[in-house]
Amino acid sequence: MAQLERRLSAKEQAYLQMGLRQPGGKLPLFDDYGQEISASIIRSCIKKGLAEHWFANPLKPEWLVCRLTKVGRQALKH
C-alpha cells in the first residue's frame, strides 16, 4: 500500500477524498467550484483500482460515474 500511496497525485487524492463524504462512496463529476473533474484523473484512479465505474448516465454517456473501491478507501487512510 505504501507504494500506491506515493504514486497518488495531489489531484487524485483530492478527488478520492470527495467520495468519503458521499453515500456509497460516489465520486463527483464536478469539484467544489463547479469545474468538471478531469477525465484523465478519473481514469488514472480507475486504472490504479482506487475507483470503479459505477453506472452509465443515459443523458451524458461520456461522463464517468464512479465510486471509491475498498482499495481507494484504504489508500486514503495512510
Protein backbone atom coordinates (compact mmCIF):
# COMPACT_ATOMS: atom_id res chain seq x y z
CA MET A 1 0.00 0.00 0.00
CA ALA A 2 2.88 2.40 0.68
CA GLN A 3 3.95 2.26 -2.98
CA LEU A 4 0.43 3.05 -4.14
CA GLU A 5 0.17 5.95 -1.72
CA ARG A 6 3.34 7.51 -3.14
CA ARG A 7 2.00 7.25 -6.68
CA LEU A 8 -1.14 9.29 -5.92
CA SER A 9 -1.00 12.82 -7.22
CA ALA A 10 -2.45 15.63 -5.14
CA LYS A 11 -5.34 15.91 -7.62
CA GLU A 12 -6.09 12.19 -7.43
CA GLN A 13 -6.04 12.28 -3.66
CA ALA A 14 -8.34 15.33 -3.53
CA TYR A 15 -10.75 13.66 -5.97
CA LEU A 16 -10.87 10.43 -3.99
CA GLN A 17 -11.36 12.25 -0.68
CA MET A 18 -14.55 13.81 -2.03
CA GLY A 19 -16.03 10.31 -2.21
CA LEU A 20 -15.59 9.80 1.53
CA ARG A 21 -18.39 12.26 2.26
CA GLN A 22 -20.88 10.82 -0.25
CA PRO A 23 -23.30 7.90 0.20
CA GLY A 24 -21.84 4.72 -1.25
CA GLY A 25 -18.54 6.48 -1.89
CA LYS A 26 -19.88 8.17 -5.04
CA LEU A 27 -17.18 10.24 -6.65
CA PRO A 28 -18.15 13.64 -8.02
CA LEU A 29 -18.24 14.74 -11.62
CA PHE A 30 -17.51 18.33 -10.59
CA ASP A 31 -15.25 19.88 -7.96
CA ASP A 32 -16.32 22.25 -5.18
CA TYR A 33 -16.04 25.18 -7.62
CA GLY A 34 -18.29 23.61 -10.27
CA GLN A 35 -15.43 22.66 -12.58
CA GLU A 36 -15.59 19.27 -14.26
CA ILE A 37 -13.15 16.73 -12.83
CA SER A 38 -10.58 15.83 -15.48
CA ALA A 39 -11.31 12.51 -17.19
CA SER A 40 -7.58 11.72 -17.01
CA ILE A 41 -7.70 11.91 -13.20
CA ILE A 42 -10.77 9.68 -13.09
CA ARG A 43 -9.26 7.13 -15.50
CA SER A 44 -6.00 7.11 -13.57
CA CYS A 45 -7.85 6.29 -10.34
CA ILE A 46 -9.79 3.52 -12.11
CA LYS A 47 -6.58 2.07 -13.55
CA LYS A 48 -4.97 2.03 -10.09
CA GLY A 49 -8.02 0.23 -8.64
CA LEU A 50 -8.91 3.17 -6.39
CA ALA A 51 -12.20 3.90 -8.13
CA GLU A 52 -14.60 1.83 -10.20
CA HIS A 53 -17.09 2.72 -12.88
CA TRP A 54 -20.48 2.60 -11.16
CA PHE A 55 -23.10 3.10 -13.86
CA ALA A 56 -23.69 4.77 -17.20
CA ASN A 57 -25.54 8.08 -17.26
CA PRO A 58 -28.09 7.80 -20.09
CA LEU A 59 -28.22 11.58 -20.55
CA LYS A 60 -24.44 12.05 -20.58
CA PRO A 61 -22.85 8.73 -21.64
CA GLU A 62 -19.36 10.32 -21.77
CA TRP A 63 -19.46 11.03 -18.02
CA LEU A 64 -17.58 8.55 -15.84
CA VAL A 65 -19.84 7.98 -12.84
CA CYS A 66 -17.62 6.22 -10.32
CA ARG A 67 -17.33 5.28 -6.68
CA LEU A 68 -14.48 4.54 -4.31
CA THR A 69 -13.25 1.00 -4.05
CA LYS A 70 -12.14 -0.65 -0.83
CA VAL A 71 -8.55 -0.18 -2.00
CA GLY A 72 -9.24 3.51 -2.59
CA ARG A 73 -10.60 3.95 0.93
CA GLN A 74 -7.58 2.16 2.40
CA ALA A 75 -5.16 4.32 0.37
CA LEU A 76 -6.73 7.45 1.85
CA LYS A 77 -6.30 6.19 5.42
CA HIS A 78 -2.49 6.06 5.08
